[in-house]
């Protein structure tokens, strides 16, 4: 199956929320098996799911044990041991520790992505602002992704940073331009610039859609570690359903 990468040129714009809700919407459409891999380095996914154990360490322990016996490749059973589940979103997740990623953990996480893809899972990788790091694991994940989703708010600094990031991804990282997508986060009631105007400032990426993340409903769901309830929201639910359908085309909703 496929994997997508979600990131941004600036921290705090809602990348992790977008990644989790796109994954949840994809899981609800056709019952797909969807896994979110947290490689943002800010530990943001764990509290959103109400989980605090950095489960990538479980995989590292498994990988180390296998290496001692000469078996250096993870399999699906081993990866599954390091995943946590969220019943509301209907997804599984590989959680990383906050702070700069441990190189050994990164190697294992990239292995896990390949194992999950081979097993037929859709994988959503949250790179956050780490998407701009010139490191081998980032380049590998970006170049092999079916889509690279950049999230921005309507604020001028965020739009500018996203435009520069999109250019660098194409020119330096060699991401194919037709794989770059743009998601604009705005208030529930439209204010200021439109998503279309923002997209004109980020010509290297194609506008995928706009989602109203700046709302009391989103904040309440985040604080209660209950993001999944937002997929039943009359505005947010359809918005993320559309994004999921574009990124992970599937049959009619289940």
Protein backbone atom coordinates (compact mmCIF):
# COMPACT_ATOMS: atom_id res chain seq x y z
CA UNK A 1 0.00 0.00 0.00
CA UNK A 2 0.97 3.63 0.04
CA UNK A 3 2.42 6.10 2.49
CA UNK A 4 2.06 9.85 2.70
CA UNK A 5 4.15 12.37 4.63
CA UNK A 6 2.64 15.34 6.46
CA UNK A 7 4.80 18.28 7.53
CA UNK A 8 5.21 22.03 7.63
CA UNK A 9 7.74 24.83 7.44
CA UNK A 10 6.69 26.02 10.90
CA UNK A 11 5.81 24.24 14.14
CA UNK A 12 2.41 24.59 15.78
CA UNK A 13 0.24 24.82 12.66
CA UNK A 14 -1.70 21.58 13.23
CA UNK A 15 0.38 19.00 11.35
CA UNK A 16 -0.17 16.22 13.90
CA UNK A 17 -3.90 16.92 14.09
CA UNK A 18 -4.16 16.81 10.29
CA UNK A 19 -2.15 13.58 10.11
CA UNK A 20 -4.30 11.85 12.76
CA UNK A 21 -7.63 12.98 11.33
CA UNK A 22 -6.71 12.16 7.73
CA UNK A 23 -5.69 8.71 8.93
CA UNK A 24 -8.93 8.31 10.88
CA UNK A 25 -11.03 9.44 7.92
CA UNK A 26 -9.19 7.01 5.64
CA UNK A 27 -9.76 4.17 8.11
CA UNK A 28 -13.49 4.89 8.18
CA UNK A 29 -13.77 4.90 4.40
CA UNK A 30 -13.81 1.27 3.34
CA UNK A 31 -12.36 -0.05 6.62
CA UNK A 32 -8.73 0.41 5.57
CA UNK A 33 -5.91 -0.55 7.95
CA UNK A 34 -4.18 2.77 8.64
CA UNK A 35 -1.11 3.40 10.79
CA UNK A 36 0.27 6.80 11.83
CA UNK A 37 4.03 6.98 12.41
CA UNK A 38 5.16 9.87 14.60
CA UNK A 39 8.58 11.14 13.55
CA UNK A 40 8.01 14.84 14.23
CA UNK A 41 10.30 14.87 17.26
CA UNK A 42 7.86 16.89 19.36
CA UNK A 43 6.02 13.97 20.95
CA UNK A 44 2.78 15.57 19.78
CA UNK A 45 0.85 12.46 18.78
CA UNK A 46 1.06 10.67 22.13
CA UNK A 47 -1.03 13.16 24.15
CA UNK A 48 -3.54 13.47 21.29
CA UNK A 49 -4.19 9.75 21.63
CA UNK A 50 -3.98 9.81 25.42
CA UNK A 51 -0.88 7.59 25.27
CA UNK A 52 2.54 8.56 26.59
CA UNK A 53 4.70 5.48 26.02
CA UNK A 54 7.24 6.09 23.21
CA UNK A 55 6.51 2.78 21.51
CA UNK A 56 9.29 3.04 18.95
CA UNK A 57 11.55 1.91 21.81
CA UNK A 58 9.66 -1.36 21.92
CA UNK A 59 10.61 -1.92 18.29
CA UNK A 60 14.21 -0.97 19.00
CA UNK A 61 14.38 -3.59 21.77
CA UNK A 62 12.91 -6.16 19.41
CA UNK A 63 15.34 -5.22 16.65
CA UNK A 64 18.32 -5.45 19.03
CA UNK A 65 17.19 -8.88 20.22
CA UNK A 66 16.81 -10.12 16.65
CA UNK A 67 20.20 -8.75 15.66
CA UNK A 68 21.81 -10.82 18.41
CA UNK A 69 20.40 -13.95 16.72
CA UNK A 70 21.39 -12.87 13.21
CA UNK A 71 17.85 -11.88 12.14
CA UNK A 72 18.11 -8.16 11.47
CA UNK A 73 14.79 -7.60 9.68
CA UNK A 74 11.58 -6.78 11.48
CA UNK A 75 8.40 -8.59 10.47
CA UNK A 76 4.75 -7.63 10.87
CA UNK A 77 4.36 -9.41 14.21
CA UNK A 78 7.31 -7.52 15.65
CA UNK A 79 6.05 -4.17 14.35
CA UNK A 80 2.54 -4.84 15.68
CA UNK A 81 3.97 -5.20 19.19
CA UNK A 82 5.12 -1.59 19.06
CA UNK A 83 1.79 -0.10 17.94
CA UNK A 84 -0.97 1.43 20.04
CA UNK A 85 -4.61 1.70 18.95
CA UNK A 86 -7.18 4.47 19.07
CA UNK A 87 -10.74 3.16 18.97
CA UNK A 88 -12.34 6.50 18.06
CA UNK A 89 -10.05 7.17 15.11
CA UNK A 90 -9.90 3.45 14.24
CA UNK A 91 -6.17 3.68 13.63
CA UNK A 92 -2.95 2.28 15.05
CA UNK A 93 0.10 4.39 15.75
CA UNK A 94 3.84 4.14 16.26
CA UNK A 95 4.75 6.77 18.84
CA UNK A 96 8.20 8.32 19.15
CA UNK A 97 9.91 9.98 22.07
CA UNK A 98 10.00 13.81 22.13
CA UNK A 99 13.19 15.62 21.23
CA UNK A 100 15.66 15.05 18.44
CA UNK A 101 15.05 11.52 17.09
CA UNK A 102 17.50 8.80 18.13
CA UNK A 103 19.29 7.50 14.97
CA UNK A 104 18.69 3.89 15.99
CA UNK A 105 15.00 4.58 16.52
CA UNK A 106 14.80 6.23 13.10
CA UNK A 107 16.31 3.21 11.37
CA UNK A 108 13.75 0.99 13.04
CA UNK A 109 10.87 3.35 12.26
CA UNK A 110 11.78 3.45 8.55
CA UNK A 111 11.96 -0.35 8.55
CA UNK A 112 8.54 -0.44 10.18
CA UNK A 113 7.07 1.76 7.42
CA UNK A 114 8.28 -0.68 4.77
CA UNK A 115 6.93 -3.68 6.69
CA UNK A 116 3.52 -2.01 7.11
CA UNK A 117 3.35 -1.08 3.43
CA UNK A 118 4.23 -4.61 2.38
CA UNK A 119 1.46 -5.86 4.67
CA UNK A 120 -1.10 -3.73 2.83
CA UNK A 121 -1.46 -0.88 5.33
CA UNK A 122 -1.85 2.77 4.51
CA UNK A 123 0.81 4.71 6.43
CA UNK A 124 0.62 8.37 7.42
CA UNK A 125 3.99 9.76 8.56
CA UNK A 126 3.98 12.87 10.73
CA UNK A 127 7.32 14.64 10.17
CA UNK A 128 6.19 18.03 11.45
CA UNK A 129 8.89 20.68 11.04
CA UNK A 130 11.45 17.82 10.79
CA UNK A 131 10.42 17.58 7.14
CA UNK A 132 12.98 20.33 6.46
CA UNK A 133 15.93 18.37 7.88
CA UNK A 134 18.61 17.36 5.41
CA UNK A 135 18.96 13.85 6.78
CA UNK A 136 18.94 10.49 4.95
CA UNK A 137 15.80 9.13 6.64
CA UNK A 138 13.84 12.28 5.74
CA UNK A 139 14.95 12.16 2.10
CA UNK A 140 14.11 8.46 1.88
CA UNK A 141 10.59 8.93 3.24
CA UNK A 142 9.91 12.00 1.12
CA UNK A 143 11.12 10.58 -2.17
CA UNK A 144 9.18 7.34 -1.77
CA UNK A 145 5.92 8.95 -0.59
CA UNK A 146 2.90 8.97 -2.87
CA UNK A 147 2.01 12.43 -1.51
CA UNK A 148 3.81 15.02 0.61
CA UNK A 149 1.24 17.17 2.42
CA UNK A 150 2.32 20.61 3.63
CA UNK A 151 0.13 22.29 6.27
CA UNK A 152 -0.05 26.06 6.70
CA UNK A 153 -2.26 28.56 8.50
CA UNK A 154 -3.47 31.81 6.96
CA UNK A 155 -0.75 33.78 8.77
CA UNK A 156 1.79 35.38 6.44
CA UNK A 157 4.89 33.91 8.21
CA UNK A 158 3.43 30.42 7.93
CA UNK A 159 2.52 30.87 4.26
CA UNK A 160 5.98 32.28 3.46
CA UNK A 161 7.76 29.43 5.28
CA UNK A 162 5.61 26.85 3.50
CA UNK A 163 6.33 28.40 0.10
CA UNK A 164 10.08 28.29 0.73
CA UNK A 165 9.84 24.73 2.03
CA UNK A 166 7.94 23.56 -1.06
CA UNK A 167 10.63 25.05 -3.31
CA UNK A 168 13.42 23.35 -1.37
CA UNK A 169 11.67 19.99 -1.44
CA UNK A 170 11.44 20.14 -5.22
CA UNK A 171 14.83 21.67 -5.99
CA UNK A 172 17.05 20.13 -3.31
CA UNK A 173 15.30 17.00 -2.00
CA UNK A 174 14.04 16.10 -5.48
CA UNK A 175 10.45 15.44 -4.53
CA UNK A 176 8.31 15.26 -7.67
CA UNK A 177 6.23 18.48 -7.88
CA UNK A 178 3.05 16.57 -8.70
CA UNK A 179 3.28 14.85 -5.30
CA UNK A 180 3.29 18.07 -3.26
CA UNK A 181 -0.08 18.92 -1.71
CA UNK A 182 -1.17 21.92 0.37
CA UNK A 183 -3.66 21.91 3.25
CA UNK A 184 -4.71 25.26 4.71
CA UNK A 185 -5.83 25.47 8.35
CA UNK A 186 -8.31 28.24 9.11
CA UNK A 187 -11.06 29.22 11.54
CA UNK A 188 -14.51 27.66 11.48
CA UNK A 189 -15.80 30.97 10.20
CA UNK A 190 -13.78 32.25 7.29
CA UNK A 191 -11.52 35.20 8.09
CA UNK A 192 -8.76 36.96 6.18
CA UNK A 193 -7.15 35.28 3.16
CA UNK A 194 -8.85 32.44 1.33
CA UNK A 195 -7.21 29.06 0.76
CA UNK A 196 -6.97 29.86 -2.93
CA UNK A 197 -4.99 33.05 -2.23
CA UNK A 198 -2.67 31.10 0.06
CA UNK A 199 -2.15 28.52 -2.68
CA UNK A 200 -1.03 31.26 -5.06
CA UNK A 201 1.79 32.01 -2.62
CA UNK A 202 2.86 28.34 -2.65
CA UNK A 203 2.94 27.61 -6.40
CA UNK A 204 5.14 24.53 -6.03
CA UNK A 205 2.30 22.61 -4.31
CA UNK A 206 -1.25 21.80 -5.42
CA UNK A 207 -4.05 22.89 -3.09
CA UNK A 208 -5.63 19.78 -1.60
CA UNK A 209 -8.14 21.52 0.64
CA UNK A 210 -8.83 23.69 3.66
CA UNK A 211 -9.84 22.52 7.13
CA UNK A 212 -11.20 24.62 10.02
CA UNK A 213 -8.83 23.61 12.82
CA UNK A 214 -8.92 26.93 14.69
CA UNK A 215 -12.14 26.21 16.57
CA UNK A 216 -13.39 25.43 20.07
CA UNK A 217 -14.50 21.97 18.94
CA UNK A 218 -10.98 21.02 17.90
CA UNK A 219 -9.43 22.39 21.09
CA UNK A 220 -11.94 20.49 23.24
CA UNK A 221 -11.27 17.24 21.38
CA UNK A 222 -7.49 17.71 21.68
CA UNK A 223 -7.73 18.42 25.41
CA UNK A 224 -9.87 15.32 25.95
CA UNK A 225 -7.63 13.11 23.77
CA UNK A 226 -10.72 12.35 21.71
CA UNK A 227 -9.84 13.49 18.18
CA UNK A 228 -12.02 10.77 16.70
CA UNK A 229 -15.22 12.59 17.69
CA UNK A 230 -14.32 15.31 15.19
CA UNK A 231 -14.90 12.92 12.31
CA UNK A 232 -18.59 13.10 13.23
CA UNK A 233 -18.56 16.90 13.15
CA UNK A 234 -20.85 18.32 10.40
CA UNK A 235 -18.05 20.44 8.91
CA UNK A 236 -14.80 18.76 9.95
CA UNK A 237 -15.97 15.22 9.21
CA UNK A 238 -16.73 15.82 5.52
CA UNK A 239 -13.64 18.03 5.12
CA UNK A 240 -11.29 15.30 6.32
CA UNK A 241 -13.26 12.66 4.45
CA UNK A 242 -12.55 14.56 1.23
CA UNK A 243 -8.85 14.86 2.05
CA UNK A 244 -8.65 11.14 2.80
CA UNK A 245 -10.41 10.24 -0.43
CA UNK A 246 -7.95 12.35 -2.42
CA UNK A 247 -4.90 10.91 -0.67
CA UNK A 248 -6.06 7.32 -0.29
CA UNK A 249 -8.69 6.59 -2.99
CA UNK A 250 -10.99 3.82 -1.77
CA UNK A 251 -14.50 2.53 -2.29
CA UNK A 252 -17.61 4.11 -0.83
CA UNK A 253 -17.56 4.97 2.89
CA UNK A 254 -18.26 2.08 5.26
